[in-house]
Amino acid sequence: LLRDGTALAAATRAFERSSEIRPAQPKVMHALATAYRLTERHAEARDLLVRYTQMYPQDPNGYLHLAQAYQSLGDKAGETDCLEKVLKLDPNSHPAIAVHFQIGPGEHDPAKQDALAAFGAENNSWMAYILASLIARERGDHRASLREVEKAYAINPDHEEVLLHYTTSLADLKELARLASTIRPAVESGKFSKRLDWH
């Protein structure tokens, strides 16, 4: 229902009824907050998500959605506070890192790369290192890109996103022997999706 703009009002009413029946059900609360945001009822979305984060303070997604609600209301302080809470709970939250460090498409600023690498080191964040690697790659600095993604790999060598970016960085530098010794065993293990095979 939420994908059909003409059905948003009906969907919102349905989620409101569900929320009355199950007021503490996380999926219902998130769906209703999303419906409120899509119908531009941003204050209601914020209020619902404030209640959600009080009930489920260890769920980073609650703070991420609350940050979006604050952003829609133009409350930069509320947005920033929520993003910081997301990153304390999940230092690998791609959307939170990207917004917090203002990483947009085509980003190539070395200062942002350094800031991401520092965050990665302080928080053991493989995602921060991947984003730092992407910034270096966008700039054409493939050696720096590989250095950053190697740090991500050192933290989480079994994560598919890490392996995909590591594969790309090795291929950029035509490091075929390392590709064969590191990536091929991962592909042959069968633990990963076909995306890794295609790389």
N, C-alpha and C. Protein backbone atom coordinates (compact mmCIF):
# COMPACT_ATOMS: atom_id res chain seq x y z
N LEU A 1 0.81 -1.20 0.00
CA LEU A 1 0.00 0.00 0.00
C LEU A 1 0.85 1.27 0.00
N LEU A 2 2.00 1.24 0.72
CA LEU A 2 2.81 2.44 0.82
C LEU A 2 3.46 2.81 -0.51
N ARG A 3 3.52 1.86 -1.46
CA ARG A 3 4.15 2.16 -2.74
C ARG A 3 3.17 2.85 -3.69
N ASP A 4 1.91 2.80 -3.40
CA ASP A 4 0.89 3.40 -4.26
C ASP A 4 0.46 4.72 -3.63
N GLY A 5 0.84 5.83 -4.28
CA GLY A 5 0.54 7.14 -3.72
C GLY A 5 -0.94 7.36 -3.46
N THR A 6 -1.79 6.78 -4.28
CA THR A 6 -3.24 7.00 -4.11
C THR A 6 -3.78 6.25 -2.90
N ALA A 7 -3.04 5.29 -2.41
CA ALA A 7 -3.52 4.49 -1.29
C ALA A 7 -2.89 4.89 0.04
N LEU A 8 -2.11 5.97 0.05
CA LEU A 8 -1.38 6.34 1.27
C LEU A 8 -2.32 6.63 2.45
N ALA A 9 -3.38 7.36 2.18
CA ALA A 9 -4.30 7.71 3.28
C ALA A 9 -4.93 6.45 3.87
N ALA A 10 -5.33 5.53 2.99
CA ALA A 10 -5.93 4.27 3.47
C ALA A 10 -4.90 3.45 4.23
N ALA A 11 -3.68 3.41 3.73
CA ALA A 11 -2.62 2.66 4.40
C ALA A 11 -2.34 3.25 5.78
N THR A 12 -2.30 4.58 5.84
CA THR A 12 -2.04 5.24 7.12
C THR A 12 -3.12 4.89 8.14
N ARG A 13 -4.39 4.94 7.70
CA ARG A 13 -5.48 4.58 8.61
C ARG A 13 -5.35 3.13 9.07
N ALA A 14 -4.98 2.24 8.15
CA ALA A 14 -4.83 0.83 8.50
C ALA A 14 -3.71 0.64 9.53
N PHE A 15 -2.60 1.34 9.34
CA PHE A 15 -1.50 1.23 10.29
C PHE A 15 -1.86 1.86 11.64
N GLU A 16 -2.66 2.92 11.60
CA GLU A 16 -3.12 3.52 12.86
C GLU A 16 -3.99 2.55 13.63
N ARG A 17 -4.87 1.84 12.92
CA ARG A 17 -5.70 0.82 13.60
C ARG A 17 -4.84 -0.30 14.16
N SER A 18 -3.86 -0.75 13.37
CA SER A 18 -2.95 -1.80 13.86
C SER A 18 -2.19 -1.33 15.08
N SER A 19 -1.80 -0.06 15.08
CA SER A 19 -1.05 0.50 16.21
C SER A 19 -1.91 0.55 17.47
N GLU A 20 -3.21 0.79 17.30
CA GLU A 20 -4.11 0.80 18.46
C GLU A 20 -4.22 -0.60 19.06
N ILE A 21 -4.22 -1.62 18.19
CA ILE A 21 -4.34 -3.01 18.64
C ILE A 21 -3.02 -3.50 19.24
N ARG A 22 -1.90 -3.14 18.56
CA ARG A 22 -0.57 -3.58 19.00
C ARG A 22 0.35 -2.36 19.11
N PRO A 23 0.18 -1.57 20.14
CA PRO A 23 0.89 -0.28 20.22
C PRO A 23 2.41 -0.39 20.38
N ALA A 24 2.91 -1.54 20.78
CA ALA A 24 4.35 -1.68 21.00
C ALA A 24 5.02 -2.59 19.98
N GLN A 25 4.32 -2.90 18.89
CA GLN A 25 4.87 -3.81 17.88
C GLN A 25 5.81 -3.03 16.96
N PRO A 26 7.11 -3.37 16.95
CA PRO A 26 8.09 -2.56 16.21
C PRO A 26 7.76 -2.39 14.72
N LYS A 27 7.37 -3.45 14.03
CA LYS A 27 7.10 -3.33 12.59
C LYS A 27 5.94 -2.40 12.31
N VAL A 28 4.91 -2.48 13.15
CA VAL A 28 3.75 -1.61 12.98
C VAL A 28 4.15 -0.16 13.23
N MET A 29 4.96 0.06 14.26
CA MET A 29 5.38 1.43 14.57
C MET A 29 6.21 2.02 13.44
N HIS A 30 7.13 1.23 12.88
CA HIS A 30 7.95 1.72 11.76
C HIS A 30 7.09 1.98 10.53
N ALA A 31 6.15 1.08 10.25
CA ALA A 31 5.29 1.26 9.08
C ALA A 31 4.44 2.52 9.22
N LEU A 32 3.90 2.75 10.42
CA LEU A 32 3.09 3.93 10.65
C LEU A 32 3.93 5.20 10.55
N ALA A 33 5.13 5.18 11.10
CA ALA A 33 6.02 6.34 11.00
C ALA A 33 6.36 6.64 9.53
N THR A 34 6.59 5.59 8.75
CA THR A 34 6.86 5.77 7.32
C THR A 34 5.65 6.37 6.61
N ALA A 35 4.47 5.85 6.95
CA ALA A 35 3.24 6.40 6.35
C ALA A 35 3.07 7.87 6.72
N TYR A 36 3.35 8.23 7.96
CA TYR A 36 3.26 9.63 8.37
C TYR A 36 4.24 10.50 7.57
N ARG A 37 5.47 10.00 7.39
CA ARG A 37 6.46 10.79 6.64
C ARG A 37 6.03 10.96 5.19
N LEU A 38 5.51 9.89 4.58
CA LEU A 38 5.11 9.96 3.17
C LEU A 38 3.89 10.86 2.96
N THR A 39 3.10 11.03 3.99
CA THR A 39 1.94 11.92 3.90
C THR A 39 2.25 13.29 4.51
N GLU A 40 3.53 13.54 4.73
CA GLU A 40 4.02 14.83 5.24
C GLU A 40 3.47 15.19 6.62
N ARG A 41 3.21 14.16 7.42
CA ARG A 41 2.81 14.36 8.81
C ARG A 41 4.06 14.14 9.67
N HIS A 42 5.05 14.99 9.44
CA HIS A 42 6.38 14.79 10.01
C HIS A 42 6.41 14.88 11.53
N ALA A 43 5.64 15.76 12.10
CA ALA A 43 5.63 15.89 13.56
C ALA A 43 5.07 14.62 14.20
N GLU A 44 4.05 14.03 13.57
CA GLU A 44 3.49 12.79 14.11
C GLU A 44 4.50 11.64 13.97
N ALA A 45 5.22 11.63 12.85
CA ALA A 45 6.27 10.62 12.67
C ALA A 45 7.33 10.77 13.75
N ARG A 46 7.75 12.02 13.99
CA ARG A 46 8.76 12.27 15.03
C ARG A 46 8.27 11.80 16.39
N ASP A 47 7.05 12.16 16.75
CA ASP A 47 6.52 11.80 18.07
C ASP A 47 6.44 10.29 18.24
N LEU A 48 6.02 9.60 17.19
CA LEU A 48 5.92 8.13 17.25
C LEU A 48 7.31 7.52 17.40
N LEU A 49 8.27 8.06 16.66
CA LEU A 49 9.62 7.50 16.71
C LEU A 49 10.35 7.85 18.01
N VAL A 50 10.03 8.99 18.60
CA VAL A 50 10.58 9.29 19.93
C VAL A 50 10.09 8.23 20.91
N ARG A 51 8.80 7.89 20.83
CA ARG A 51 8.25 6.86 21.71
C ARG A 51 8.92 5.51 21.41
N TYR A 52 9.11 5.21 20.13
CA TYR A 52 9.76 3.95 19.76
C TYR A 52 11.17 3.86 20.35
N THR A 53 11.96 4.93 20.22
CA THR A 53 13.34 4.88 20.72
C THR A 53 13.38 4.80 22.24
N GLN A 54 12.36 5.30 22.91
CA GLN A 54 12.28 5.14 24.37
C GLN A 54 11.98 3.70 24.73
N MET A 55 11.15 3.04 23.92
CA MET A 55 10.79 1.64 24.17
C MET A 55 11.89 0.68 23.75
N TYR A 56 12.59 1.01 22.66
CA TYR A 56 13.62 0.13 22.09
C TYR A 56 14.92 0.93 21.90
N PRO A 57 15.57 1.30 22.99
CA PRO A 57 16.74 2.20 22.88
C PRO A 57 17.98 1.55 22.27
N GLN A 58 17.97 0.23 22.10
CA GLN A 58 19.13 -0.44 21.52
C GLN A 58 18.98 -0.70 20.03
N ASP A 59 17.90 -0.22 19.43
CA ASP A 59 17.67 -0.44 18.00
C ASP A 59 18.16 0.77 17.21
N PRO A 60 19.27 0.64 16.48
CA PRO A 60 19.79 1.79 15.73
C PRO A 60 18.84 2.27 14.65
N ASN A 61 18.02 1.37 14.09
CA ASN A 61 17.10 1.78 13.03
C ASN A 61 16.06 2.78 13.54
N GLY A 62 15.67 2.66 14.80
CA GLY A 62 14.74 3.62 15.36
C GLY A 62 15.31 5.02 15.34
N TYR A 63 16.58 5.15 15.74
CA TYR A 63 17.22 6.46 15.73
C TYR A 63 17.46 6.95 14.31
N LEU A 64 17.73 6.02 13.39
CA LEU A 64 17.94 6.42 11.99
C LEU A 64 16.65 7.01 11.41
N HIS A 65 15.53 6.34 11.66
CA HIS A 65 14.24 6.86 11.17
C HIS A 65 13.88 8.17 11.88
N LEU A 66 14.22 8.27 13.15
CA LEU A 66 13.96 9.51 13.88
C LEU A 66 14.81 10.65 13.32
N ALA A 67 16.05 10.35 12.94
CA ALA A 67 16.90 11.37 12.32
C ALA A 67 16.26 11.88 11.03
N GLN A 68 15.66 10.97 10.25
CA GLN A 68 14.99 11.38 9.02
C GLN A 68 13.80 12.29 9.33
N ALA A 69 13.05 11.95 10.38
CA ALA A 69 11.91 12.78 10.77
C ALA A 69 12.37 14.18 11.19
N TYR A 70 13.45 14.23 11.98
CA TYR A 70 13.99 15.54 12.38
C TYR A 70 14.46 16.33 11.16
N GLN A 71 15.10 15.64 10.23
CA GLN A 71 15.57 16.31 9.01
C GLN A 71 14.41 16.91 8.24
N SER A 72 13.30 16.16 8.14
CA SER A 72 12.11 16.65 7.44
C SER A 72 11.52 17.89 8.11
N LEU A 73 11.71 17.97 9.43
CA LEU A 73 11.20 19.12 10.18
C LEU A 73 12.20 20.28 10.26
N GLY A 74 13.36 20.08 9.66
CA GLY A 74 14.39 21.13 9.69
C GLY A 74 15.10 21.25 11.02
N ASP A 75 15.04 20.20 11.83
CA ASP A 75 15.67 20.21 13.16
C ASP A 75 17.05 19.56 13.05
N LYS A 76 18.06 20.37 12.72
CA LYS A 76 19.41 19.85 12.50
C LYS A 76 20.01 19.26 13.77
N ALA A 77 19.76 19.90 14.91
CA ALA A 77 20.32 19.40 16.18
C ALA A 77 19.74 18.03 16.51
N GLY A 78 18.42 17.86 16.33
CA GLY A 78 17.80 16.57 16.58
C GLY A 78 18.31 15.50 15.65
N GLU A 79 18.48 15.87 14.38
CA GLU A 79 19.00 14.92 13.38
C GLU A 79 20.41 14.48 13.75
N THR A 80 21.27 15.43 14.08
CA THR A 80 22.66 15.12 14.42
C THR A 80 22.74 14.24 15.66
N ASP A 81 21.95 14.56 16.68
CA ASP A 81 21.94 13.77 17.91
C ASP A 81 21.55 12.32 17.61
N CYS A 82 20.53 12.14 16.78
CA CYS A 82 20.08 10.78 16.45
C CYS A 82 21.13 10.03 15.63
N LEU A 83 21.77 10.70 14.69
CA LEU A 83 22.80 10.05 13.89
C LEU A 83 23.96 9.59 14.77
N GLU A 84 24.32 10.41 15.75
CA GLU A 84 25.38 10.01 16.68
C GLU A 84 24.98 8.78 17.49
N LYS A 85 23.70 8.70 17.87
CA LYS A 85 23.22 7.53 18.60
C LYS A 85 23.24 6.29 17.71
N VAL A 86 22.86 6.46 16.44
CA VAL A 86 22.93 5.33 15.50
C VAL A 86 24.36 4.81 15.44
N LEU A 87 25.31 5.71 15.27
CA LEU A 87 26.70 5.31 15.07
C LEU A 87 27.33 4.71 16.33
N LYS A 88 26.81 5.08 17.50
CA LYS A 88 27.29 4.43 18.73
C LYS A 88 26.79 2.99 18.79
N LEU A 89 25.55 2.79 18.34
CA LEU A 89 24.96 1.44 18.37
C LEU A 89 25.44 0.58 17.20
N ASP A 90 25.64 1.21 16.04
CA ASP A 90 26.04 0.47 14.85
C ASP A 90 27.01 1.33 14.04
N PRO A 91 28.31 1.22 14.31
CA PRO A 91 29.28 2.05 13.60
C PRO A 91 29.46 1.68 12.13
N ASN A 92 28.71 0.67 11.67
CA ASN A 92 28.76 0.28 10.26
C ASN A 92 27.49 0.64 9.50
N SER A 93 26.67 1.51 10.07
CA SER A 93 25.44 1.94 9.40
C SER A 93 25.80 2.85 8.23
N HIS A 94 25.70 2.31 7.03
CA HIS A 94 26.07 3.06 5.83
C HIS A 94 25.32 4.39 5.72
N PRO A 95 23.95 4.37 5.83
CA PRO A 95 23.26 5.65 5.69
C PRO A 95 23.65 6.68 6.75
N ALA A 96 23.83 6.23 7.99
CA ALA A 96 24.19 7.18 9.06
C ALA A 96 25.59 7.76 8.84
N ILE A 97 26.52 6.92 8.43
CA ILE A 97 27.89 7.42 8.17
C ILE A 97 27.86 8.41 7.01
N ALA A 98 27.15 8.05 5.94
CA ALA A 98 27.13 8.92 4.75
C ALA A 98 26.53 10.29 5.07
N VAL A 99 25.44 10.30 5.85
CA VAL A 99 24.82 11.59 6.20
C VAL A 99 25.69 12.35 7.18
N HIS A 100 26.18 11.65 8.20
CA HIS A 100 26.99 12.31 9.24
C HIS A 100 28.23 12.99 8.65
N PHE A 101 28.88 12.30 7.69
CA PHE A 101 30.09 12.85 7.09
C PHE A 101 29.82 13.59 5.78
N GLN A 102 28.53 13.73 5.44
CA GLN A 102 28.12 14.46 4.23
C GLN A 102 28.82 13.93 2.99
N ILE A 103 28.67 12.62 2.78
CA ILE A 103 29.26 11.96 1.62
C ILE A 103 28.20 11.85 0.54
N GLY A 104 28.41 12.56 -0.55
CA GLY A 104 27.46 12.53 -1.66
C GLY A 104 28.04 11.81 -2.86
N PRO A 105 27.24 11.66 -3.90
CA PRO A 105 27.73 11.01 -5.13
C PRO A 105 28.94 11.75 -5.68
N GLY A 106 29.93 10.98 -6.11
CA GLY A 106 31.13 11.57 -6.71
C GLY A 106 32.09 12.20 -5.71
N GLU A 107 31.88 11.95 -4.42
CA GLU A 107 32.74 12.55 -3.38
C GLU A 107 34.19 12.12 -3.59
N HIS A 108 35.11 13.09 -3.54
CA HIS A 108 36.53 12.76 -3.73
C HIS A 108 37.45 13.59 -2.82
N ASP A 109 36.91 14.23 -1.80
CA ASP A 109 37.66 15.10 -0.91
C ASP A 109 38.58 14.28 0.01
N PRO A 110 39.90 14.49 -0.08
CA PRO A 110 40.83 13.74 0.79
C PRO A 110 40.58 13.98 2.28
N ALA A 111 40.09 15.17 2.64
CA ALA A 111 39.82 15.45 4.06
C ALA A 111 38.69 14.56 4.58
N LYS A 112 37.68 14.32 3.75
CA LYS A 112 36.60 13.42 4.16
C LYS A 112 37.09 11.98 4.22
N GLN A 113 37.97 11.63 3.31
CA GLN A 113 38.58 10.29 3.38
C GLN A 113 39.30 10.11 4.71
N ASP A 114 40.09 11.10 5.09
CA ASP A 114 40.83 11.02 6.36
C ASP A 114 39.89 10.96 7.56
N ALA A 115 38.80 11.74 7.51
CA ALA A 115 37.84 11.74 8.62
C ALA A 115 37.17 10.37 8.75
N LEU A 116 36.83 9.78 7.62
CA LEU A 116 36.22 8.45 7.64
C LEU A 116 37.21 7.41 8.17
N ALA A 117 38.46 7.50 7.73
CA ALA A 117 39.47 6.55 8.20
C ALA A 117 39.68 6.69 9.70
N ALA A 118 39.68 7.93 10.19
CA ALA A 118 39.83 8.14 11.64
C ALA A 118 38.64 7.54 12.38
N PHE A 119 37.43 7.74 11.87
CA PHE A 119 36.24 7.15 12.48
C PHE A 119 36.35 5.62 12.46
N GLY A 120 36.82 5.08 11.33
CA GLY A 120 36.99 3.63 11.22
C GLY A 120 37.94 3.09 12.27
N ALA A 121 39.05 3.80 12.47
CA ALA A 121 40.04 3.37 13.46
C ALA A 121 39.50 3.46 14.88
N GLU A 122 38.77 4.53 15.18
CA GLU A 122 38.25 4.74 16.54
C GLU A 122 37.10 3.80 16.88
N ASN A 123 36.35 3.39 15.84
CA ASN A 123 35.12 2.63 16.09
C ASN A 123 35.12 1.23 15.48
N ASN A 124 36.28 0.81 14.97
CA ASN A 124 36.37 -0.52 14.36
C ASN A 124 35.30 -0.69 13.27
N SER A 125 35.16 0.34 12.45
CA SER A 125 34.10 0.39 11.45
C SER A 125 34.63 0.04 10.06
N TRP A 126 34.29 -1.16 9.60
CA TRP A 126 34.71 -1.54 8.25
C TRP A 126 33.98 -0.71 7.20
N MET A 127 32.74 -0.30 7.47
CA MET A 127 32.00 0.50 6.49
C MET A 127 32.65 1.87 6.30
N ALA A 128 33.17 2.46 7.36
CA ALA A 128 33.85 3.76 7.23
C ALA A 128 35.07 3.61 6.33
N TYR A 129 35.79 2.52 6.48
CA TYR A 129 36.96 2.30 5.61
C TYR A 129 36.54 2.06 4.16
N ILE A 130 35.42 1.38 3.94
CA ILE A 130 34.95 1.19 2.57
C ILE A 130 34.61 2.53 1.93
N LEU A 131 33.92 3.39 2.68
CA LEU A 131 33.58 4.70 2.13
C LEU A 131 34.84 5.55 1.89
N ALA A 132 35.82 5.43 2.78
CA ALA A 132 37.09 6.13 2.57
C ALA A 132 37.76 5.61 1.29
N SER A 133 37.70 4.30 1.10
CA SER A 133 38.27 3.68 -0.11
C SER A 133 37.58 4.19 -1.37
N LEU A 134 36.27 4.31 -1.32
CA LEU A 134 35.51 4.79 -2.48
C LEU A 134 35.87 6.24 -2.83
N ILE A 135 36.10 7.06 -1.81
CA ILE A 135 36.50 8.44 -2.06
C ILE A 135 37.85 8.48 -2.77
N ALA A 136 38.80 7.67 -2.29
CA ALA A 136 40.11 7.62 -2.93
C ALA A 136 40.00 7.12 -4.37
N ARG A 137 39.16 6.12 -4.57
CA ARG A 137 38.97 5.55 -5.92
C ARG A 137 38.36 6.60 -6.85
N GLU A 138 37.40 7.36 -6.35
CA GLU A 138 36.76 8.41 -7.15
C GLU A 138 37.79 9.44 -7.62
N ARG A 139 38.79 9.65 -6.79
CA ARG A 139 39.87 10.59 -7.10
C ARG A 139 40.90 9.98 -8.04
N GLY A 140 40.81 8.67 -8.25
CA GLY A 140 41.79 7.98 -9.10
C GLY A 140 43.01 7.50 -8.35
N ASP A 141 42.98 7.59 -7.02
CA ASP A 141 44.11 7.16 -6.20
C ASP A 141 43.87 5.71 -5.77
N HIS A 142 44.21 4.79 -6.67
CA HIS A 142 43.89 3.38 -6.45
C HIS A 142 44.72 2.76 -5.33
N ARG A 143 45.94 3.23 -5.15
CA ARG A 143 46.76 2.71 -4.05
C ARG A 143 46.13 3.07 -2.70
N ALA A 144 45.72 4.31 -2.55
CA ALA A 144 45.07 4.73 -1.30
C ALA A 144 43.76 3.98 -1.12
N SER A 145 43.03 3.79 -2.21
CA SER A 145 41.76 3.04 -2.14
C SER A 145 42.00 1.64 -1.60
N LEU A 146 43.04 0.99 -2.11
CA LEU A 146 43.36 -0.36 -1.64
C LEU A 146 43.78 -0.35 -0.18
N ARG A 147 44.56 0.63 0.23
CA ARG A 147 44.99 0.71 1.64
C ARG A 147 43.79 0.80 2.57
N GLU A 148 42.80 1.61 2.18
CA GLU A 148 41.62 1.77 3.04
C GLU A 148 40.80 0.48 3.10
N VAL A 149 40.60 -0.15 1.95
CA VAL A 149 39.76 -1.35 1.94
C VAL A 149 40.48 -2.52 2.62
N GLU A 150 41.80 -2.52 2.62
CA GLU A 150 42.53 -3.55 3.36
C GLU A 150 42.24 -3.45 4.86
N LYS A 151 42.04 -2.23 5.35
CA LYS A 151 41.70 -2.06 6.77
C LYS A 151 40.30 -2.60 7.05
N ALA A 152 39.38 -2.40 6.09
CA ALA A 152 38.03 -2.98 6.23
C ALA A 152 38.11 -4.50 6.25
N TYR A 153 38.93 -5.04 5.37
CA TYR A 153 39.10 -6.49 5.29
C TYR A 153 39.72 -7.06 6.57
N ALA A 154 40.63 -6.33 7.17
CA ALA A 154 41.25 -6.78 8.42
C ALA A 154 40.22 -6.87 9.54
N ILE A 155 39.20 -5.98 9.51
CA ILE A 155 38.16 -5.99 10.53
C ILE A 155 37.14 -7.08 10.28
N ASN A 156 36.71 -7.22 9.02
CA ASN A 156 35.61 -8.16 8.72
C ASN A 156 35.85 -8.85 7.38
N PRO A 157 36.74 -9.84 7.35
CA PRO A 157 37.08 -10.48 6.08
C PRO A 157 35.97 -11.37 5.51
N ASP A 158 34.95 -11.65 6.30
CA ASP A 158 33.88 -12.54 5.82
C ASP A 158 32.61 -11.80 5.43
N HIS A 159 32.65 -10.48 5.36
CA HIS A 159 31.46 -9.73 4.94
C HIS A 159 31.50 -9.53 3.42
N GLU A 160 30.39 -9.82 2.78
CA GLU A 160 30.36 -9.77 1.31
C GLU A 160 30.67 -8.38 0.77
N GLU A 161 30.16 -7.33 1.41
CA GLU A 161 30.44 -5.97 0.92
C GLU A 161 31.94 -5.67 0.97
N VAL A 162 32.59 -6.12 2.03
CA VAL A 162 34.04 -5.91 2.16
C VAL A 162 34.75 -6.64 1.03
N LEU A 163 34.37 -7.89 0.80
CA LEU A 163 35.02 -8.68 -0.25
C LEU A 163 34.78 -8.07 -1.64
N LEU A 164 33.58 -7.57 -1.89
CA LEU A 164 33.30 -6.94 -3.19
C LEU A 164 34.21 -5.74 -3.43
N HIS A 165 34.33 -4.89 -2.42
CA HIS A 165 35.17 -3.70 -2.58
C HIS A 165 36.65 -4.07 -2.64
N TYR A 166 37.04 -5.06 -1.88
CA TYR A 166 38.43 -5.53 -1.92
C TYR A 166 38.75 -6.07 -3.31
N THR A 167 37.84 -6.84 -3.87
CA THR A 167 38.01 -7.38 -5.22
C THR A 167 38.20 -6.26 -6.24
N THR A 168 37.35 -5.25 -6.15
CA THR A 168 37.43 -4.13 -7.09
C THR A 168 38.77 -3.40 -6.97
N SER A 169 39.21 -3.18 -5.74
CA SER A 169 40.47 -2.46 -5.54
C SER A 169 41.66 -3.27 -6.06
N LEU A 170 41.64 -4.56 -5.82
CA LEU A 170 42.72 -5.40 -6.34
C LEU A 170 42.70 -5.43 -7.85
N ALA A 171 41.50 -5.49 -8.44
CA ALA A 171 41.39 -5.51 -9.90
C ALA A 171 41.87 -4.19 -10.50
N ASP A 172 41.56 -3.07 -9.85
CA ASP A 172 42.01 -1.76 -10.34
C ASP A 172 43.53 -1.73 -10.51
N LEU A 173 44.22 -2.39 -9.59
CA LEU A 173 45.69 -2.39 -9.61
C LEU A 173 46.27 -3.64 -10.27
N LYS A 174 45.36 -4.45 -10.85
CA LYS A 174 45.78 -5.69 -11.54
C LYS A 174 46.60 -6.60 -10.64
N GLU A 175 46.18 -6.66 -9.37
CA GLU A 175 46.84 -7.54 -8.40
C GLU A 175 46.24 -8.94 -8.53
N LEU A 176 46.55 -9.60 -9.63
CA LEU A 176 45.89 -10.86 -9.96
C LEU A 176 46.25 -11.98 -8.99
N ALA A 177 47.49 -12.02 -8.54
CA ALA A 177 47.90 -13.08 -7.61
C ALA A 177 47.13 -12.96 -6.30
N ARG A 178 46.99 -11.74 -5.80
CA ARG A 178 46.24 -11.54 -4.55
C ARG A 178 44.75 -11.82 -4.75
N LEU A 179 44.24 -11.46 -5.92
CA LEU A 179 42.85 -11.81 -6.22
C LEU A 179 42.65 -13.31 -6.13
N ALA A 180 43.58 -14.04 -6.73
CA ALA A 180 43.46 -15.50 -6.76
C ALA A 180 43.59 -16.09 -5.36
N SER A 181 44.50 -15.56 -4.56
CA SER A 181 44.74 -16.17 -3.25
C SER A 181 43.72 -15.74 -2.19
N THR A 182 43.11 -14.59 -2.37
CA THR A 182 42.19 -14.08 -1.35
C THR A 182 40.74 -14.25 -1.74
N ILE A 183 40.39 -13.85 -2.94
CA ILE A 183 38.99 -13.79 -3.34
C ILE A 183 38.50 -15.14 -3.88
N ARG A 184 39.31 -15.82 -4.66
CA ARG A 184 38.85 -17.10 -5.22
C ARG A 184 38.40 -18.08 -4.15
N PRO A 185 39.14 -18.26 -3.05
CA PRO A 185 38.65 -19.17 -2.01
C PRO A 185 37.30 -18.74 -1.42
N ALA A 186 37.08 -17.45 -1.32
CA ALA A 186 35.79 -16.97 -0.81
C ALA A 186 34.67 -17.34 -1.77
N VAL A 187 34.91 -17.15 -3.07
CA VAL A 187 33.90 -17.51 -4.08
C VAL A 187 33.63 -19.01 -4.02
N GLU A 188 34.70 -19.79 -3.95
CA GLU A 188 34.55 -21.25 -3.97
C GLU A 188 33.93 -21.79 -2.69
N SER A 189 33.93 -21.01 -1.62
CA SER A 189 33.34 -21.47 -0.36
C SER A 189 31.83 -21.63 -0.46
N GLY A 190 31.21 -20.91 -1.40
CA GLY A 190 29.76 -20.99 -1.56
C GLY A 190 28.98 -20.21 -0.52
N LYS A 191 29.66 -19.43 0.33
CA LYS A 191 28.97 -18.68 1.39
C LYS A 191 28.38 -17.37 0.89
N PHE A 192 28.77 -16.95 -0.30
CA PHE A 192 28.41 -15.61 -0.75
C PHE A 192 27.52 -15.67 -2.00
N SER A 193 26.88 -14.55 -2.29
CA SER A 193 25.97 -14.49 -3.43
C SER A 193 26.76 -14.45 -4.74
N LYS A 194 26.01 -14.51 -5.84
CA LYS A 194 26.63 -14.50 -7.16
C LYS A 194 27.31 -13.17 -7.46
N ARG A 195 26.98 -12.11 -6.70
CA ARG A 195 27.65 -10.82 -6.94
C ARG A 195 29.16 -10.96 -6.84
N LEU A 196 29.62 -11.77 -5.89
CA LEU A 196 31.05 -11.94 -5.71
C LEU A 196 31.64 -12.72 -6.89
N ASP A 197 30.89 -13.70 -7.41
CA ASP A 197 31.34 -14.47 -8.57
C ASP A 197 31.57 -13.55 -9.77
N TRP A 198 30.66 -12.60 -9.97
CA TRP A 198 30.74 -11.73 -11.14
C TRP A 198 31.94 -10.80 -11.08
N HIS A 199 32.42 -10.52 -9.88
CA HIS A 199 33.59 -9.66 -9.76
C HIS A 199 34.84 -10.45 -10.13
